[in-house]
C-alpha atoms as a PDB file:
ATOM      1  CA  MET A   1     119.778 139.217 107.950  1.00  0.00           C
ATOM      2  CA  ILE A   2     116.503 139.855 109.763  1.00  0.00           C
ATOM      3  CA  SER A   3     114.955 143.207 108.887  1.00  0.00           C
ATOM      4  CA  ASN A   4     114.066 145.807 111.489  1.00  0.00           C
ATOM      5  CA  LYS A   5     110.420 145.307 110.584  1.00  0.00           C
ATOM      6  CA  CYS A   6     110.637 141.588 111.403  1.00  0.00           C
ATOM      7  CA  ILE A   7     112.405 142.316 114.656  1.00  0.00           C
ATOM      8  CA  ARG A   8     109.673 144.770 115.660  1.00  0.00           C
ATOM      9  CA  SER A   9     106.985 142.193 114.775  1.00  0.00           C
ATOM     10  CA  ILE A  10     108.715 139.546 116.876  1.00  0.00           C
ATOM     11  CA  MET A  11     109.002 141.967 119.791  1.00  0.00           C
ATOM     12  CA  VAL A  12     105.313 142.942 119.573  1.00  0.00           C
ATOM     13  CA  PHE A  13     104.308 139.260 119.476  1.00  0.00           C
ATOM     14  CA  ALA A  14     106.546 138.471 122.467  1.00  0.00           C
ATOM     15  CA  ILE A  15     105.154 141.356 124.512  1.00  0.00           C
ATOM     16  CA  ALA A  16     101.571 140.362 123.669  1.00  0.00           C
ATOM     17  CA  THR A  17     102.280 136.764 124.623  1.00  0.00           C
ATOM     18  CA  MET A  18     103.813 137.774 127.952  1.00  0.00           C
ATOM     19  CA  THR A  19     100.826 140.009 128.665  1.00  0.00           C
ATOM     20  CA  VAL A  20      98.380 137.155 128.102  1.00  0.00           C
ATOM     21  CA  LEU A  21     100.451 134.817 130.268  1.00  0.00           C
ATOM     22  CA  ALA A  22     100.554 137.439 133.014  1.00  0.00           C
ATOM     23  CA  MET A  23      96.760 137.669 133.158  1.00  0.00           C
ATOM     24  CA  PRO A  24      94.852 135.640 135.742  1.00  0.00           C
ATOM     25  CA  ALA A  25      93.094 132.496 134.501  1.00  0.00           C
ATOM     26  CA  PHE A  26      89.697 134.208 134.573  1.00  0.00           C
ATOM     27  CA  ALA A  27      90.827 137.149 132.391  1.00  0.00           C
ATOM     28  CA  GLN A  28      89.966 135.212 129.230  1.00  0.00           C
ATOM     29  CA  ASP A  29      86.283 135.803 130.091  1.00  0.00           C
ATOM     30  CA  SER A  30      85.734 139.019 132.001  1.00  0.00           C
ATOM     31  CA  LYS A  31      82.029 138.420 132.648  1.00  0.00           C
ATOM     32  CA  LEU A  32      81.579 137.299 136.228  1.00  0.00           C
ATOM     33  CA  PRO A  33      79.428 134.183 136.743  1.00  0.00           C
ATOM     34  CA  ASP A  34      75.959 134.116 138.284  1.00  0.00           C
ATOM     35  CA  PRO A  35      76.397 135.009 141.985  1.00  0.00           C
ATOM     36  CA  THR A  36      74.325 132.017 143.065  1.00  0.00           C
ATOM     37  CA  SER A  37      76.558 129.632 141.107  1.00  0.00           C
ATOM     38  CA  PRO A  38      79.642 127.927 142.602  1.00  0.00           C
ATOM     39  CA  ASP A  39      81.499 129.347 139.608  1.00  0.00           C
ATOM     40  CA  PHE A  40      81.366 132.808 141.176  1.00  0.00           C
ATOM     41  CA  CYS A  41      83.775 132.240 144.059  1.00  0.00           C
ATOM     42  CA  ILE A  42      85.854 129.957 141.845  1.00  0.00           C
ATOM     43  CA  ALA A  43      86.336 132.990 139.577  1.00  0.00           C
ATOM     44  CA  VAL A  44      87.179 135.080 142.661  1.00  0.00           C
ATOM     45  CA  GLN A  45      89.861 132.534 143.597  1.00  0.00           C
ATOM     46  CA  TYR A  46      91.355 132.631 140.099  1.00  0.00           C
ATOM     47  CA  ILE A  47      91.407 136.430 140.017  1.00  0.00           C
ATOM     48  CA  LEU A  48      92.590 137.287 143.527  1.00  0.00           C
ATOM     49  CA  ALA A  49      95.430 134.740 143.584  1.00  0.00           C
ATOM     50  CA  ASP A  50      96.164 134.994 139.852  1.00  0.00           C
ATOM     51  CA  THR A  51      96.092 131.205 139.690  1.00  0.00           C
ATOM     52  CA  LYS A  52      94.963 128.395 137.411  1.00  0.00           C
ATOM     53  CA  ILE A  53      94.738 125.823 140.207  1.00  0.00           C
ATOM     54  CA  GLU A  54      91.129 124.630 140.090  1.00  0.00           C
ATOM     55  CA  PRO A  55      89.334 124.703 143.448  1.00  0.00           C
ATOM     56  CA  THR A  56      86.285 122.863 144.713  1.00  0.00           C
ATOM     57  CA  ASN A  57      83.688 125.318 145.976  1.00  0.00           C
ATOM     58  CA  GLU A  58      80.939 124.501 148.472  1.00  0.00           C
ATOM     59  CA  ILE A  59      77.950 126.846 148.667  1.00  0.00           C
ATOM     60  CA  PHE A  60      76.153 126.980 152.004  1.00  0.00           C
ATOM     61  CA  ASP A  61      72.471 127.800 152.436  1.00  0.00           C
ATOM     62  CA  ASN A  62      73.018 128.896 156.029  1.00  0.00           C
ATOM     63  CA  MET A  63      75.349 131.330 157.740  1.00  0.00           C
ATOM     64  CA  PRO A  64      76.630 129.168 160.655  1.00  0.00           C
ATOM     65  CA  ASP A  65      78.278 126.681 158.263  1.00  0.00           C
ATOM     66  CA  TYR A  66      79.876 129.530 156.331  1.00  0.00           C
ATOM     67  CA  ARG A  67      81.135 131.215 159.507  1.00  0.00           C
ATOM     68  CA  HIS A  68      82.861 128.045 160.685  1.00  0.00           C
ATOM     69  CA  SER A  69      84.363 127.057 157.331  1.00  0.00           C
ATOM     70  CA  LYS A  70      88.088 127.366 156.589  1.00  0.00           C
ATOM     71  CA  PRO A  71      89.489 127.038 153.050  1.00  0.00           C
ATOM     72  CA  ALA A  72      92.183 124.384 152.568  1.00  0.00           C
ATOM     73  CA  PRO A  73      95.100 124.529 150.112  1.00  0.00           C
ATOM     74  CA  ASN A  74      95.609 120.938 148.956  1.00  0.00           C
ATOM     75  CA  PRO A  75      93.217 119.881 147.603  1.00  0.00           C
ATOM     76  CA  LEU A  76      92.106 123.472 147.087  1.00  0.00           C
ATOM     77  CA  MET A  77      88.770 123.897 148.879  1.00  0.00           C
ATOM     78  CA  ILE A  78      86.861 127.192 149.072  1.00  0.00           C
ATOM     79  CA  TYR A  79      83.455 128.318 150.377  1.00  0.00           C
ATOM     80  CA  GLN A  80      80.587 130.617 149.435  1.00  0.00           C
ATOM     81  CA  VAL A  81      77.324 131.968 150.811  1.00  0.00           C
ATOM     82  CA  VAL A  82      74.835 134.432 149.293  1.00  0.00           C
ATOM     83  CA  THR A  83      72.786 137.089 151.092  1.00  0.00           C
ATOM     84  CA  TYR A  84      69.343 137.882 149.658  1.00  0.00           C
ATOM     85  CA  ASP A  85      66.779 140.601 150.113  1.00  0.00           C
ATOM     86  CA  GLU A  86      63.117 140.374 149.092  1.00  0.00           C
ATOM     87  CA  VAL A  87      64.063 140.729 145.406  1.00  0.00           C
ATOM     88  CA  GLY A  88      67.181 138.610 144.961  1.00  0.00           C
ATOM     89  CA  PRO A  89      70.891 138.163 145.728  1.00  0.00           C
ATOM     90  CA  ILE A  90      72.604 141.340 146.896  1.00  0.00           C
ATOM     91  CA  VAL A  91      75.936 140.171 148.373  1.00  0.00           C
ATOM     92  CA  VAL A  92      78.163 137.151 147.742  1.00  0.00           C
ATOM     93  CA  SER A  93      80.623 136.103 150.439  1.00  0.00           C
ATOM     94  CA  CYS A  94      83.671 134.094 149.393  1.00  0.00           C
ATOM     95  CA  LYS A  95      86.415 132.382 151.374  1.00  0.00           C
ATOM     96  CA  VAL A  96      89.414 131.551 149.168  1.00  0.00           C
ATOM     97  CA  LYS A  97      93.159 130.944 149.547  1.00  0.00           C
ATOM     98  CA  THR A  98      95.949 133.507 149.283  1.00  0.00           C
ATOM     99  CA  ALA A  99      98.415 133.554 146.412  1.00  0.00           C
ATOM    100  CA  ASP A 100     101.398 132.903 148.693  1.00  0.00           C
ATOM    101  CA  HIS A 101      99.797 129.799 150.247  1.00  0.00           C
ATOM    102  CA  ILE A 102      99.014 128.395 146.798  1.00  0.00           C
ATOM    103  CA  ARG A 103     102.631 128.977 145.785  1.00  0.00           C
ATOM    104  CA  ALA A 104     103.813 127.240 148.964  1.00  0.00           C
ATOM    105  CA  GLU A 105     101.740 124.167 148.081  1.00  0.00           C
ATOM    106  CA  TYR A 106     102.041 124.005 144.289  1.00  0.00           C
ATOM    107  CA  GLY A 107     105.220 125.893 143.376  1.00  0.00           C
ATOM    108  CA  GLU A 108     106.254 129.431 142.526  1.00  0.00           C
ATOM    109  CA  ASP A 109     104.507 129.426 139.151  1.00  0.00           C
ATOM    110  CA  ALA A 110     101.169 128.320 140.608  1.00  0.00           C
ATOM    111  CA  ALA A 111     100.013 131.827 141.584  1.00  0.00           C
ATOM    112  CA  GLY A 112     100.901 135.416 140.805  1.00  0.00           C
ATOM    113  CA  GLU A 113     100.361 138.761 142.452  1.00  0.00           C
ATOM    114  CA  GLN A 114      97.854 138.918 145.296  1.00  0.00           C
ATOM    115  CA  ARG A 115      94.768 140.986 144.529  1.00  0.00           C
ATOM    116  CA  TYR A 116      92.135 142.254 146.938  1.00  0.00           C
ATOM    117  CA  CYS A 117      88.357 142.395 147.312  1.00  0.00           C
ATOM    118  CA  PRO A 118      87.719 145.907 145.886  1.00  0.00           C
ATOM    119  CA  GLU A 119      89.152 144.742 142.554  1.00  0.00           C
ATOM    120  CA  ILE A 120      86.274 142.270 142.223  1.00  0.00           C
ATOM    121  CA  THR A 121      83.777 144.980 143.176  1.00  0.00           C
ATOM    122  CA  ARG A 122      85.158 147.189 140.391  1.00  0.00           C
ATOM    123  CA  MET A 123      84.600 144.287 137.974  1.00  0.00           C
ATOM    124  CA  VAL A 124      81.013 143.994 139.257  1.00  0.00           C
ATOM    125  CA  GLN A 125      80.536 147.723 138.670  1.00  0.00           C
ATOM    126  CA  ALA A 126      81.920 147.523 135.126  1.00  0.00           C
ATOM    127  CA  GLN A 127      79.668 144.568 134.310  1.00  0.00           C
ATOM    128  CA  ALA A 128      76.583 146.294 135.738  1.00  0.00           C
ATOM    129  CA  ALA A 129      77.296 149.434 133.695  1.00  0.00           C
ATOM    130  CA  GLU A 130      77.904 147.423 130.516  1.00  0.00           C
ATOM    131  CA  GLU A 131      74.655 145.485 130.880  1.00  0.00           C
ATOM    132  CA  LEU A 132      72.682 148.656 131.581  1.00  0.00           C
ATOM    133  CA  ARG A 133      74.247 150.408 128.592  1.00  0.00           C
ATOM    134  CA  GLN A 134      72.355 148.028 126.280  1.00  0.00           C
ATOM    135  CA  TRP A 135      68.947 149.391 127.288  1.00  0.00           C
ATOM    136  CA  ASN A 136      69.292 152.254 129.793  1.00  0.00           C
ATOM    137  CA  PRO A 137      72.245 154.587 129.114  1.00  0.00           C
ATOM    138  CA  ASP A 138      71.210 156.971 131.883  1.00  0.00           C
ATOM    139  CA  ALA A 139      71.300 154.204 134.484  1.00  0.00           C
ATOM    140  CA  ALA A 140      74.618 153.026 133.054  1.00  0.00           C
ATOM    141  CA  ALA A 141      76.030 156.501 133.693  1.00  0.00           C
ATOM    142  CA  VAL A 142      74.808 156.290 137.294  1.00  0.00           C
ATOM    143  CA  ALA A 143      76.511 152.902 137.723  1.00  0.00           C
ATOM    144  CA  GLU A 144      79.725 154.350 136.344  1.00  0.00           C
ATOM    145  CA  SER A 145      79.559 157.087 138.986  1.00  0.00           C
ATOM    146  CA  PHE A 146      79.489 154.595 141.875  1.00  0.00           C
ATOM    147  CA  VAL A 147      82.462 154.907 144.221  1.00  0.00           C
ATOM    148  CA  ILE A 148      84.224 151.662 145.173  1.00  0.00           C
ATOM    149  CA  ASP A 149      85.787 152.147 148.589  1.00  0.00           C
ATOM    150  CA  GLU A 150      89.287 150.770 149.078  1.00  0.00           C
ATOM    151  CA  THR A 151      88.164 148.800 152.103  1.00  0.00           C
ATOM    152  CA  GLU A 152      91.132 147.695 154.201  1.00  0.00           C
ATOM    153  CA  PRO A 153      90.994 143.933 154.902  1.00  0.00           C
ATOM    154  CA  TYR A 154      90.776 142.703 158.475  1.00  0.00           C
ATOM    155  CA  MET A 155      93.083 140.150 160.115  1.00  0.00           C
ATOM    156  CA  MET A 156      90.514 138.781 162.558  1.00  0.00           C
ATOM    157  CA  GLY A 157      87.615 136.584 161.507  1.00  0.00           C
ATOM    158  CA  SER A 158      85.298 138.197 164.055  1.00  0.00           C
ATOM    159  CA  SER A 159      85.808 141.571 162.352  1.00  0.00           C
ATOM    160  CA  TYR A 160      85.125 140.124 158.899  1.00  0.00           C
ATOM    161  CA  LEU A 161      81.925 138.564 160.222  1.00  0.00           C
ATOM    162  CA  SER A 162      80.653 141.759 161.825  1.00  0.00           C
ATOM    163  CA  ASP A 163      77.601 143.567 160.429  1.00  0.00           C
ATOM    164  CA  PHE A 164      78.152 146.143 157.687  1.00  0.00           C
ATOM    165  CA  GLN A 165      76.480 148.225 154.992  1.00  0.00           C
ATOM    166  CA  SER A 166      77.200 146.993 151.480  1.00  0.00           C
ATOM    167  CA  SER A 167      76.279 150.381 150.029  1.00  0.00           C
ATOM    168  CA  TYR A 168      75.688 153.872 151.383  1.00  0.00           C
ATOM    169  CA  LEU A 169      75.139 157.437 150.224  1.00  0.00           C
ATOM    170  CA  GLY A 170      78.377 159.321 150.798  1.00  0.00           C
ATOM    171  CA  GLU A 171      78.829 162.941 151.814  1.00  0.00           C
ATOM    172  CA  ASP A 172      79.855 163.567 148.198  1.00  0.00           C
ATOM    173  CA  GLY A 173      76.304 162.710 147.128  1.00  0.00           C
ATOM    174  CA  LEU A 174      77.450 159.524 145.377  1.00  0.00           C
ATOM    175  CA  ILE A 175      76.608 155.915 146.117  1.00  0.00           C
ATOM    176  CA  HIS A 176      79.537 154.043 147.641  1.00  0.00           C
ATOM    177  CA  PHE A 177      80.128 150.299 147.804  1.00  0.00           C
ATOM    178  CA  THR A 178      82.196 148.530 150.426  1.00  0.00           C
ATOM    179  CA  SER A 179      84.066 145.240 150.058  1.00  0.00           C
ATOM    180  CA  PRO A 180      84.851 144.049 153.607  1.00  0.00           C
ATOM    181  CA  GLY A 181      87.448 141.309 153.625  1.00  0.00           C
ATOM    182  CA  LEU A 182      90.040 139.394 155.583  1.00  0.00           C
ATOM    183  CA  GLN A 183      93.658 138.839 154.581  1.00  0.00           C
ATOM    184  CA  THR A 184      96.064 136.559 156.479  1.00  0.00           C
ATOM    185  CA  ASN A 185      99.009 135.915 154.181  1.00  0.00           C
ATOM    186  CA  TRP A 186     100.761 132.572 154.626  1.00  0.00           C
ATOM    187  CA  ASP A 187     104.211 134.197 154.715  1.00  0.00           C
ATOM    188  CA  ASP A 188     103.258 137.010 157.107  1.00  0.00           C
ATOM    189  CA  TRP A 189     105.615 136.639 160.089  1.00  0.00           C
ATOM    190  CA  LEU A 190     103.126 138.513 162.292  1.00  0.00           C
ATOM    191  CA  ILE A 191     100.779 135.520 162.257  1.00  0.00           C
ATOM    192  CA  TRP A 192     103.237 132.613 162.185  1.00  0.00           C
ATOM    193  CA  ILE A 193     102.228 131.721 165.752  1.00  0.00           C
ATOM    194  CA  MET A 194      98.600 131.312 164.681  1.00  0.00           C
ATOM    195  CA  PRO A 195      97.203 127.874 163.692  1.00  0.00           C
ATOM    196  CA  ASN A 196      97.839 126.945 160.054  1.00  0.00           C
ATOM    197  CA  ARG A 197      94.103 126.702 159.358  1.00  0.00           C
ATOM    198  CA  VAL A 198      93.666 130.458 159.822  1.00  0.00           C
ATOM    199  CA  ARG A 199      96.736 131.432 157.779  1.00  0.00           C
ATOM    200  CA  GLY A 200      96.796 131.934 154.017  1.00  0.00           C
ATOM    201  CA  GLN A 201      93.173 133.078 153.818  1.00  0.00           C
ATOM    202  CA  THR A 202      91.400 135.695 151.691  1.00  0.00           C
ATOM    203  CA  TYR A 203      87.761 136.425 152.516  1.00  0.00           C
ATOM    204  CA  CYS A 204      85.459 138.908 150.742  1.00  0.00           C
ATOM    205  CA  HIS A 205      81.912 140.263 150.943  1.00  0.00           C
ATOM    206  CA  LEU A 206      81.013 141.433 147.422  1.00  0.00           C
ATOM    207  CA  PRO A 207      77.954 143.201 145.977  1.00  0.00           C
ATOM    208  CA  THR A 208      76.172 141.553 143.053  1.00  0.00           C
ATOM    209  CA  VAL A 209      75.703 142.914 139.546  1.00  0.00           C
ATOM    210  CA  ALA A 210      71.924 142.748 139.962  1.00  0.00           C
ATOM    211  CA  TYR A 211      72.054 144.787 143.173  1.00  0.00           C
ATOM    212  CA  MET A 212      74.187 147.483 141.543  1.00  0.00           C
ATOM    213  CA  LYS A 213      71.770 147.633 138.588  1.00  0.00           C
ATOM    214  CA  ARG A 214      68.820 148.092 140.947  1.00  0.00           C
ATOM    215  CA  LEU A 215      70.555 151.003 142.661  1.00  0.00           C
ATOM    216  CA  ALA A 216      71.501 152.536 139.312  1.00  0.00           C
ATOM    217  CA  THR A 217      67.906 152.366 138.035  1.00  0.00           C
ATOM    218  CA  GLY A 218      66.455 153.670 141.301  1.00  0.00           C
ATOM    219  CA  THR A 219      64.496 150.491 142.085  1.00  0.00           C
ATOM    220  CA  ALA A 220      66.470 150.060 145.308  1.00  0.00           C
ATOM    221  CA  GLU A 221      67.953 152.457 147.844  1.00  0.00           C
ATOM    222  CA  PRO A 222      71.537 152.361 149.167  1.00  0.00           C
ATOM    223  CA  GLY A 223      72.135 151.148 152.703  1.00  0.00           C
ATOM    224  CA  ALA A 224      71.687 147.373 152.509  1.00  0.00           C
ATOM    225  CA  PHE A 225      72.472 145.979 155.960  1.00  0.00           C
ATOM    226  CA  ILE A 226      74.409 142.700 155.838  1.00  0.00           C
ATOM    227  CA  THR A 227      74.673 140.379 158.810  1.00  0.00           C
ATOM    228  CA  THR A 228      76.213 136.963 159.440  1.00  0.00           C
ATOM    229  CA  VAL A 229      73.974 135.929 162.344  1.00  0.00           C
ATOM    230  CA  ASP A 230      72.380 132.480 162.347  1.00  0.00           C
ATOM    231  CA  ASP A 231      69.121 133.585 160.700  1.00  0.00           C
ATOM    232  CA  ALA A 232      70.733 135.733 158.005  1.00  0.00           C
ATOM    233  CA  PRO A 233      68.742 135.562 154.717  1.00  0.00           C
ATOM    234  CA  THR A 234      70.929 133.082 152.807  1.00  0.00           C
ATOM    235  CA  MET A 235      68.152 131.675 150.619  1.00  0.00           C
ATOM    236  CA  PRO A 236      65.703 133.310 148.195  1.00  0.00           C
ATOM    237  CA  MET A 237      62.477 134.627 149.733  1.00  0.00           C
ATOM    238  CA  GLY A 238      60.408 131.820 148.191  1.00  0.00           C
ATOM    239  CA  ALA A 239      62.636 129.087 149.594  1.00  0.00           C
ATOM    240  CA  ARG A 240      62.550 130.686 153.039  1.00  0.00           C
ATOM    241  CA  SER A 241      58.747 130.857 152.929  1.00  0.00           C
ATOM    242  CA  GLU A 242      58.493 127.154 152.038  1.00  0.00           C
ATOM    243  CA  ILE A 243      60.740 126.224 154.988  1.00  0.00           C
ATOM    244  CA  ALA A 244      58.745 128.442 157.346  1.00  0.00           C
ATOM    245  CA  ASN A 245      55.533 126.714 156.264  1.00  0.00           C
END
């Protein structure tokens, strides 16, 4: 006869195993990749669709190509562009596929629960605070006080591509971060009449860890203005200067 202690051990192991299996593929390494790396939006795809389907990610160095891009489900193709200021990358923009479209292409077990852009921004905040904690506890406390707005995703691409502030000083005296996005679920009957290429899409504009750390240490001010016009700063300052010359 199996003892109660053995039964409890088996149950604990089973629950732990189910918890690990329920985590998104990226959860095994919670540190987000470099925002200028293609791995960044690949991680965003894994997290937001809770999937292990490996995408191919193309990073653009100009905004027109990013604006016109549309992720595809099979093979899984996603897109990325980075916005810079005079210091470095401040916002990463990702276009990935929805969980329900991945399930429609690869089967019910191919993706889990749909997640949304502010969840990534909270991960960015946690990473910024953790990195600051190693050498500047006061700045880490500031980063922990940042407010991540629950930005409602748009359904129209033109709205997602409109200008916005990535951060701002709220009436509460705290620094807020926005995560503008677009969500057009594949199974949403409201958009069934729309072309397939615009369905099943998740888009996000996400602040970088480095930008949050600059705000937390006071080396930058909130209010970064992000645009998707043709001449948006999608390359580092040095690269832009070389092209201009």
